[in-house]
């Protein structure tokens, strides 16, 4: 469900500065207003979601409406983050889209086994990445209904 001000909060868990910039550019083109929050590793993702560490006591840290999660992350893998999210009663309804360079069948299968809502492969081509991120907007923000918070 869209927040009262209509802005969708997206948590991007990504350690590549280049991929973060590509995502920022793609999201600027979306017609749905969104606020992008970026964390650089798996542990920081959980700190953000649980408001601990550097996010502790920060009332302005929003609960994400959707999470874009890279697979190969420092400190804690995307699969580790996904597993913790989907085991948590308060977080498991947040749609998690795996957004990874890996096209390995095993990585894709494990992602779905752990509860990923979608798996989208990155591309070396920034235009392709922007198209794929546009598909996320089209489906998750214009077609599907996000779960209530």
N, C-alpha and C. Protein backbone atom coordinates (compact mmCIF):
# COMPACT_ATOMS: atom_id res chain seq x y z
N UNK A 1 0.85 -1.18 0.00
CA UNK A 1 0.00 0.00 0.00
C UNK A 1 0.89 1.24 0.00
N UNK A 2 0.54 2.19 -0.81
CA UNK A 2 1.32 3.41 -0.93
C UNK A 2 1.21 4.24 0.35
N UNK A 3 2.34 4.78 0.83
CA UNK A 3 2.30 5.63 2.02
C UNK A 3 1.38 6.84 1.81
N UNK A 4 0.94 7.49 2.90
CA UNK A 4 -0.01 8.60 2.79
C UNK A 4 0.45 9.72 1.84
N UNK A 5 1.76 10.00 1.77
CA UNK A 5 2.21 11.07 0.89
C UNK A 5 2.41 10.58 -0.54
N UNK A 6 2.17 9.28 -0.80
CA UNK A 6 2.27 8.74 -2.14
C UNK A 6 3.66 8.34 -2.57
N UNK A 7 4.66 8.57 -1.72
CA UNK A 7 6.04 8.24 -2.07
C UNK A 7 6.35 6.80 -1.66
N UNK A 8 6.91 6.05 -2.61
CA UNK A 8 7.31 4.67 -2.35
C UNK A 8 8.74 4.67 -1.84
N UNK A 9 8.99 3.99 -0.74
CA UNK A 9 10.33 3.87 -0.19
C UNK A 9 10.98 2.59 -0.69
N UNK A 10 12.10 2.76 -1.38
CA UNK A 10 12.82 1.63 -1.95
C UNK A 10 14.16 1.51 -1.23
N UNK A 11 14.45 0.31 -0.74
CA UNK A 11 15.75 0.03 -0.16
C UNK A 11 16.56 -0.71 -1.21
N UNK A 12 17.66 -0.12 -1.65
CA UNK A 12 18.59 -0.75 -2.59
C UNK A 12 19.79 -1.23 -1.80
N UNK A 13 20.03 -2.53 -1.82
CA UNK A 13 21.17 -3.12 -1.13
C UNK A 13 22.18 -3.47 -2.23
N UNK A 14 23.19 -2.63 -2.37
CA UNK A 14 24.10 -2.73 -3.52
C UNK A 14 25.47 -2.18 -3.14
N UNK A 15 26.51 -2.95 -3.42
CA UNK A 15 27.86 -2.51 -3.09
C UNK A 15 28.60 -1.88 -4.26
N UNK A 16 28.05 -1.92 -5.45
CA UNK A 16 28.71 -1.34 -6.62
C UNK A 16 28.25 0.11 -6.83
N UNK A 17 29.16 1.09 -6.69
CA UNK A 17 28.76 2.49 -6.91
C UNK A 17 28.20 2.72 -8.32
N UNK A 18 28.71 2.00 -9.30
CA UNK A 18 28.22 2.15 -10.67
C UNK A 18 26.76 1.69 -10.76
N UNK A 19 26.46 0.55 -10.16
CA UNK A 19 25.08 0.04 -10.19
C UNK A 19 24.14 0.95 -9.41
N UNK A 20 24.63 1.55 -8.33
CA UNK A 20 23.80 2.49 -7.57
C UNK A 20 23.46 3.70 -8.45
N UNK A 21 24.44 4.22 -9.17
CA UNK A 21 24.19 5.38 -10.04
C UNK A 21 23.22 5.04 -11.16
N UNK A 22 23.35 3.85 -11.74
CA UNK A 22 22.43 3.43 -12.79
C UNK A 22 21.01 3.34 -12.23
N UNK A 23 20.88 2.79 -11.04
CA UNK A 23 19.56 2.69 -10.41
C UNK A 23 18.98 4.07 -10.12
N UNK A 24 19.81 4.98 -9.61
CA UNK A 24 19.33 6.35 -9.34
C UNK A 24 18.79 7.00 -10.62
N UNK A 25 19.55 6.85 -11.71
CA UNK A 25 19.10 7.44 -12.99
C UNK A 25 17.79 6.82 -13.45
N UNK A 26 17.67 5.51 -13.32
CA UNK A 26 16.45 4.83 -13.75
C UNK A 26 15.25 5.28 -12.92
N UNK A 27 15.43 5.40 -11.61
CA UNK A 27 14.32 5.77 -10.75
C UNK A 27 13.87 7.21 -10.97
N UNK A 28 14.77 8.07 -11.41
CA UNK A 28 14.37 9.45 -11.73
C UNK A 28 13.36 9.49 -12.87
N UNK A 29 13.36 8.47 -13.70
CA UNK A 29 12.46 8.41 -14.86
C UNK A 29 11.10 7.81 -14.50
N UNK A 30 10.98 7.23 -13.32
CA UNK A 30 9.72 6.61 -12.94
C UNK A 30 8.64 7.67 -12.76
N UNK A 31 7.43 7.32 -13.09
CA UNK A 31 6.31 8.25 -12.91
C UNK A 31 5.77 8.18 -11.48
N UNK A 32 6.05 7.08 -10.78
CA UNK A 32 5.63 6.94 -9.39
C UNK A 32 6.70 7.58 -8.51
N UNK A 33 6.31 8.51 -7.64
CA UNK A 33 7.32 9.14 -6.77
C UNK A 33 7.91 8.12 -5.80
N UNK A 34 9.23 8.12 -5.71
CA UNK A 34 9.88 7.19 -4.80
C UNK A 34 11.09 7.84 -4.15
N UNK A 35 11.43 7.27 -3.02
CA UNK A 35 12.60 7.71 -2.28
C UNK A 35 13.53 6.50 -2.19
N UNK A 36 14.76 6.68 -2.69
CA UNK A 36 15.73 5.59 -2.73
C UNK A 36 16.66 5.68 -1.53
N UNK A 37 16.76 4.59 -0.80
CA UNK A 37 17.66 4.47 0.35
C UNK A 37 18.67 3.40 -0.01
N UNK A 38 19.95 3.72 0.06
CA UNK A 38 20.99 2.81 -0.37
C UNK A 38 21.84 2.38 0.81
N UNK A 39 22.04 1.07 0.92
CA UNK A 39 22.99 0.52 1.88
C UNK A 39 23.96 -0.35 1.09
N UNK A 40 25.19 -0.49 1.61
CA UNK A 40 26.28 -1.08 0.82
C UNK A 40 26.63 -2.53 1.14
N UNK A 41 26.06 -3.11 2.18
CA UNK A 41 26.37 -4.51 2.49
C UNK A 41 25.20 -5.14 3.24
N UNK A 42 25.27 -6.46 3.41
CA UNK A 42 24.17 -7.18 4.03
C UNK A 42 23.91 -6.80 5.47
N UNK A 43 24.97 -6.59 6.23
CA UNK A 43 24.78 -6.20 7.63
C UNK A 43 24.13 -4.82 7.74
N UNK A 44 24.54 -3.90 6.88
CA UNK A 44 23.94 -2.57 6.91
C UNK A 44 22.46 -2.64 6.52
N UNK A 45 22.12 -3.55 5.62
CA UNK A 45 20.71 -3.73 5.24
C UNK A 45 19.88 -4.12 6.46
N UNK A 46 20.39 -5.06 7.23
CA UNK A 46 19.65 -5.48 8.43
C UNK A 46 19.63 -4.37 9.48
N UNK A 47 20.73 -3.62 9.60
CA UNK A 47 20.73 -2.48 10.52
C UNK A 47 19.64 -1.48 10.13
N UNK A 48 19.51 -1.21 8.84
CA UNK A 48 18.48 -0.29 8.34
C UNK A 48 17.09 -0.82 8.68
N UNK A 49 16.86 -2.10 8.37
CA UNK A 49 15.53 -2.68 8.58
C UNK A 49 15.15 -2.77 10.06
N UNK A 50 16.13 -3.02 10.91
CA UNK A 50 15.86 -3.16 12.34
C UNK A 50 16.17 -1.89 13.13
N UNK A 51 16.56 -0.83 12.42
CA UNK A 51 16.90 0.46 13.05
C UNK A 51 17.91 0.27 14.18
N UNK A 52 19.00 -0.37 13.84
CA UNK A 52 20.08 -0.56 14.82
C UNK A 52 21.37 -0.02 14.22
N UNK A 53 22.45 -0.06 15.00
CA UNK A 53 23.71 0.49 14.52
C UNK A 53 23.55 1.98 14.25
N UNK A 54 24.03 2.43 13.11
CA UNK A 54 23.95 3.87 12.80
C UNK A 54 22.53 4.37 12.55
N UNK A 55 21.57 3.46 12.41
CA UNK A 55 20.17 3.84 12.19
C UNK A 55 19.36 3.83 13.48
N UNK A 56 19.97 3.46 14.57
CA UNK A 56 19.27 3.38 15.84
C UNK A 56 18.78 4.76 16.27
N UNK A 57 17.54 4.81 16.69
CA UNK A 57 16.97 6.05 17.19
C UNK A 57 16.62 7.06 16.12
N UNK A 58 16.78 6.72 14.86
CA UNK A 58 16.44 7.65 13.79
C UNK A 58 15.00 7.43 13.36
N UNK A 59 14.15 8.35 13.75
CA UNK A 59 12.72 8.23 13.45
C UNK A 59 12.44 8.37 11.96
N UNK A 60 13.36 8.96 11.21
CA UNK A 60 13.11 9.19 9.79
C UNK A 60 13.55 8.02 8.90
N UNK A 61 13.97 6.91 9.50
CA UNK A 61 14.34 5.73 8.73
C UNK A 61 13.03 4.99 8.40
N UNK A 62 12.62 5.01 7.13
CA UNK A 62 11.32 4.42 6.79
C UNK A 62 11.39 2.91 6.64
N UNK A 63 10.27 2.28 6.79
CA UNK A 63 10.14 0.87 6.44
C UNK A 63 10.01 0.83 4.93
N UNK A 64 10.85 0.06 4.24
CA UNK A 64 10.76 0.05 2.78
C UNK A 64 9.47 -0.60 2.29
N UNK A 65 8.99 -0.10 1.16
CA UNK A 65 7.84 -0.70 0.51
C UNK A 65 8.28 -1.84 -0.40
N UNK A 66 9.53 -1.77 -0.86
CA UNK A 66 10.10 -2.80 -1.70
C UNK A 66 11.62 -2.78 -1.52
N UNK A 67 12.24 -3.95 -1.63
CA UNK A 67 13.68 -4.06 -1.46
C UNK A 67 14.28 -4.62 -2.74
N UNK A 68 15.30 -3.95 -3.27
CA UNK A 68 16.09 -4.44 -4.39
C UNK A 68 17.39 -4.94 -3.79
N UNK A 69 17.64 -6.23 -3.89
CA UNK A 69 18.72 -6.87 -3.13
C UNK A 69 19.72 -7.56 -4.05
N UNK A 70 20.96 -7.08 -4.01
CA UNK A 70 22.04 -7.73 -4.73
C UNK A 70 22.36 -9.05 -4.03
N UNK A 71 22.92 -9.97 -4.77
CA UNK A 71 23.24 -11.28 -4.22
C UNK A 71 24.62 -11.32 -3.58
N UNK A 72 25.61 -10.84 -4.30
CA UNK A 72 27.00 -10.91 -3.82
C UNK A 72 27.36 -9.61 -3.10
N UNK A 73 27.24 -9.66 -1.78
CA UNK A 73 27.46 -8.48 -0.94
C UNK A 73 28.56 -8.76 0.07
N UNK A 74 29.24 -7.70 0.52
CA UNK A 74 30.19 -7.86 1.63
C UNK A 74 29.45 -8.14 2.94
N UNK A 75 30.14 -8.77 3.86
CA UNK A 75 29.71 -9.03 5.25
C UNK A 75 28.61 -10.07 5.38
N UNK A 76 27.54 -9.94 4.62
CA UNK A 76 26.44 -10.90 4.65
C UNK A 76 25.84 -10.94 3.25
N UNK A 77 25.74 -12.12 2.68
CA UNK A 77 25.25 -12.26 1.31
C UNK A 77 23.79 -11.86 1.17
N UNK A 78 23.38 -11.62 -0.05
CA UNK A 78 21.97 -11.34 -0.32
C UNK A 78 21.08 -12.47 0.14
N UNK A 79 21.53 -13.71 -0.04
CA UNK A 79 20.74 -14.84 0.45
C UNK A 79 20.60 -14.81 1.97
N UNK A 80 21.66 -14.42 2.68
CA UNK A 80 21.58 -14.31 4.13
C UNK A 80 20.60 -13.23 4.56
N UNK A 81 20.63 -12.11 3.88
CA UNK A 81 19.69 -11.02 4.18
C UNK A 81 18.27 -11.47 3.89
N UNK A 82 18.07 -12.06 2.72
CA UNK A 82 16.74 -12.52 2.32
C UNK A 82 16.17 -13.51 3.33
N UNK A 83 16.99 -14.45 3.75
CA UNK A 83 16.54 -15.45 4.71
C UNK A 83 16.07 -14.79 6.01
N UNK A 84 16.80 -13.81 6.49
CA UNK A 84 16.40 -13.14 7.74
C UNK A 84 15.13 -12.33 7.55
N UNK A 85 15.00 -11.67 6.41
CA UNK A 85 13.79 -10.88 6.14
C UNK A 85 12.57 -11.79 6.12
N UNK A 86 12.66 -12.88 5.39
CA UNK A 86 11.49 -13.75 5.20
C UNK A 86 11.16 -14.58 6.44
N UNK A 87 12.07 -14.67 7.41
CA UNK A 87 11.78 -15.36 8.66
C UNK A 87 11.23 -14.43 9.72
N UNK A 88 11.22 -13.15 9.44
CA UNK A 88 10.78 -12.16 10.42
C UNK A 88 9.31 -11.78 10.17
N UNK A 89 8.49 -11.99 11.17
CA UNK A 89 7.06 -11.70 11.07
C UNK A 89 6.78 -10.26 10.61
N UNK A 90 7.58 -9.32 11.08
CA UNK A 90 7.35 -7.92 10.76
C UNK A 90 7.89 -7.47 9.41
N UNK A 91 8.74 -8.28 8.80
CA UNK A 91 9.36 -7.88 7.53
C UNK A 91 8.99 -8.75 6.35
N UNK A 92 8.51 -9.95 6.58
CA UNK A 92 8.37 -10.92 5.50
C UNK A 92 7.43 -10.53 4.38
N UNK A 93 6.53 -9.60 4.62
CA UNK A 93 5.62 -9.17 3.55
C UNK A 93 6.24 -8.17 2.59
N UNK A 94 7.36 -7.60 2.95
CA UNK A 94 8.00 -6.63 2.05
C UNK A 94 8.48 -7.38 0.81
N UNK A 95 8.05 -6.96 -0.38
CA UNK A 95 8.52 -7.63 -1.58
C UNK A 95 10.03 -7.43 -1.74
N UNK A 96 10.72 -8.54 -2.00
CA UNK A 96 12.16 -8.51 -2.21
C UNK A 96 12.44 -8.98 -3.63
N UNK A 97 13.04 -8.09 -4.40
CA UNK A 97 13.45 -8.40 -5.77
C UNK A 97 14.96 -8.58 -5.76
N UNK A 98 15.40 -9.79 -6.04
CA UNK A 98 16.83 -10.04 -6.17
C UNK A 98 17.27 -9.38 -7.47
N UNK A 99 18.33 -8.59 -7.39
CA UNK A 99 18.82 -7.84 -8.54
C UNK A 99 20.31 -8.10 -8.62
N UNK A 100 20.68 -9.13 -9.38
CA UNK A 100 22.04 -9.63 -9.32
C UNK A 100 22.63 -9.88 -10.70
N UNK A 101 23.95 -9.84 -10.76
CA UNK A 101 24.65 -10.15 -12.01
C UNK A 101 24.69 -11.66 -12.24
N UNK A 102 24.46 -12.45 -11.21
CA UNK A 102 24.52 -13.89 -11.35
C UNK A 102 23.33 -14.42 -12.15
N UNK A 103 23.65 -15.25 -13.11
CA UNK A 103 22.60 -15.94 -13.85
C UNK A 103 22.66 -17.44 -13.60
N UNK A 104 23.35 -17.82 -12.54
CA UNK A 104 23.49 -19.22 -12.16
C UNK A 104 22.13 -19.77 -11.69
N UNK A 105 21.75 -20.91 -12.25
CA UNK A 105 20.49 -21.54 -11.87
C UNK A 105 20.42 -21.79 -10.36
N UNK A 106 21.54 -22.18 -9.76
CA UNK A 106 21.55 -22.44 -8.32
C UNK A 106 21.23 -21.17 -7.53
N UNK A 107 21.80 -20.03 -7.92
CA UNK A 107 21.53 -18.77 -7.23
C UNK A 107 20.07 -18.37 -7.37
N UNK A 108 19.53 -18.56 -8.56
CA UNK A 108 18.13 -18.21 -8.80
C UNK A 108 17.22 -19.13 -7.98
N UNK A 109 17.50 -20.43 -8.00
CA UNK A 109 16.68 -21.39 -7.26
C UNK A 109 16.70 -21.13 -5.76
N UNK A 110 17.90 -20.91 -5.21
CA UNK A 110 18.00 -20.64 -3.77
C UNK A 110 17.25 -19.36 -3.42
N UNK A 111 17.33 -18.35 -4.27
CA UNK A 111 16.62 -17.10 -4.01
C UNK A 111 15.12 -17.33 -3.87
N UNK A 112 14.55 -18.09 -4.80
CA UNK A 112 13.12 -18.39 -4.71
C UNK A 112 12.80 -19.31 -3.53
N UNK A 113 13.68 -20.27 -3.26
CA UNK A 113 13.47 -21.14 -2.11
C UNK A 113 13.42 -20.35 -0.80
N UNK A 114 14.20 -19.28 -0.73
CA UNK A 114 14.24 -18.45 0.48
C UNK A 114 13.12 -17.41 0.53
N UNK A 115 12.32 -17.32 -0.54
CA UNK A 115 11.17 -16.43 -0.51
C UNK A 115 11.27 -15.18 -1.34
N UNK A 116 12.25 -15.09 -2.25
CA UNK A 116 12.32 -13.91 -3.12
C UNK A 116 11.03 -13.79 -3.91
N UNK A 117 10.60 -12.55 -4.14
CA UNK A 117 9.39 -12.31 -4.91
C UNK A 117 9.68 -12.24 -6.41
N UNK A 118 10.93 -11.98 -6.76
CA UNK A 118 11.35 -11.95 -8.16
C UNK A 118 12.86 -11.99 -8.20
N UNK A 119 13.38 -12.40 -9.36
CA UNK A 119 14.83 -12.42 -9.57
C UNK A 119 15.07 -11.80 -10.92
N UNK A 120 15.79 -10.69 -10.93
CA UNK A 120 16.09 -9.97 -12.16
C UNK A 120 17.60 -9.90 -12.32
N UNK A 121 18.07 -10.32 -13.48
CA UNK A 121 19.50 -10.29 -13.76
C UNK A 121 19.92 -8.90 -14.20
N UNK A 122 21.05 -8.47 -13.69
CA UNK A 122 21.65 -7.21 -14.14
C UNK A 122 22.24 -7.45 -15.51
N UNK A 123 22.69 -6.40 -16.12
CA UNK A 123 23.32 -6.48 -17.43
C UNK A 123 24.52 -5.56 -17.44
N UNK A 124 25.44 -5.82 -18.32
CA UNK A 124 26.58 -4.92 -18.51
C UNK A 124 26.15 -3.62 -19.18
N UNK A 125 25.01 -3.67 -19.85
CA UNK A 125 24.51 -2.53 -20.60
C UNK A 125 23.59 -1.68 -19.71
N UNK A 126 23.98 -0.43 -19.42
CA UNK A 126 23.15 0.41 -18.55
C UNK A 126 21.72 0.61 -19.07
N UNK A 127 21.53 0.66 -20.37
CA UNK A 127 20.19 0.82 -20.93
C UNK A 127 19.31 -0.39 -20.61
N UNK A 128 19.90 -1.57 -20.66
CA UNK A 128 19.16 -2.78 -20.31
C UNK A 128 18.80 -2.78 -18.84
N UNK A 129 19.72 -2.35 -17.99
CA UNK A 129 19.44 -2.27 -16.55
C UNK A 129 18.28 -1.31 -16.31
N UNK A 130 18.30 -0.17 -16.98
CA UNK A 130 17.23 0.81 -16.81
C UNK A 130 15.89 0.23 -17.27
N UNK A 131 15.90 -0.54 -18.36
CA UNK A 131 14.67 -1.17 -18.83
C UNK A 131 14.15 -2.16 -17.81
N UNK A 132 15.06 -2.95 -17.24
CA UNK A 132 14.65 -3.94 -16.24
C UNK A 132 14.13 -3.27 -14.97
N UNK A 133 14.75 -2.18 -14.56
CA UNK A 133 14.24 -1.44 -13.40
C UNK A 133 12.89 -0.81 -13.73
N UNK A 134 12.70 -0.40 -14.97
CA UNK A 134 11.40 0.12 -15.40
C UNK A 134 10.31 -0.94 -15.29
N UNK A 135 10.69 -2.19 -15.56
CA UNK A 135 9.73 -3.29 -15.43
C UNK A 135 9.32 -3.48 -13.96
N UNK A 136 10.25 -3.21 -13.05
CA UNK A 136 9.92 -3.28 -11.62
C UNK A 136 8.85 -2.24 -11.30
N UNK A 137 9.04 -1.02 -11.80
CA UNK A 137 8.03 0.02 -11.57
C UNK A 137 6.70 -0.41 -12.16
N UNK A 138 6.72 -0.87 -13.39
CA UNK A 138 5.49 -1.24 -14.08
C UNK A 138 4.71 -2.30 -13.32
N UNK A 139 5.42 -3.33 -12.87
CA UNK A 139 4.72 -4.40 -12.17
C UNK A 139 4.43 -4.07 -10.71
N UNK A 140 5.50 -3.81 -9.94
CA UNK A 140 5.33 -3.68 -8.50
C UNK A 140 4.64 -2.40 -8.06
N UNK A 141 4.76 -1.33 -8.83
CA UNK A 141 4.20 -0.06 -8.38
C UNK A 141 2.96 0.38 -9.15
N UNK A 142 2.72 -0.22 -10.31
CA UNK A 142 1.55 0.18 -11.10
C UNK A 142 0.53 -0.94 -11.27
N UNK A 143 0.97 -2.20 -11.21
CA UNK A 143 0.06 -3.32 -11.45
C UNK A 143 -0.29 -4.03 -10.16
N UNK A 144 0.70 -4.54 -9.45
CA UNK A 144 0.47 -5.27 -8.20
C UNK A 144 0.15 -4.30 -7.08
N UNK A 145 -0.50 -4.81 -6.06
CA UNK A 145 -0.71 -4.00 -4.86
C UNK A 145 0.33 -4.40 -3.84
N UNK A 146 1.01 -3.40 -3.30
CA UNK A 146 1.99 -3.67 -2.26
C UNK A 146 1.27 -4.04 -0.97
N UNK A 147 1.89 -4.88 -0.14
CA UNK A 147 1.22 -5.27 1.11
C UNK A 147 1.12 -4.10 2.07
N UNK A 148 0.10 -4.12 2.93
CA UNK A 148 -0.02 -3.06 3.93
C UNK A 148 1.11 -3.14 4.93
N UNK A 149 1.46 -1.97 5.46
CA UNK A 149 2.50 -1.94 6.49
C UNK A 149 1.86 -2.21 7.81
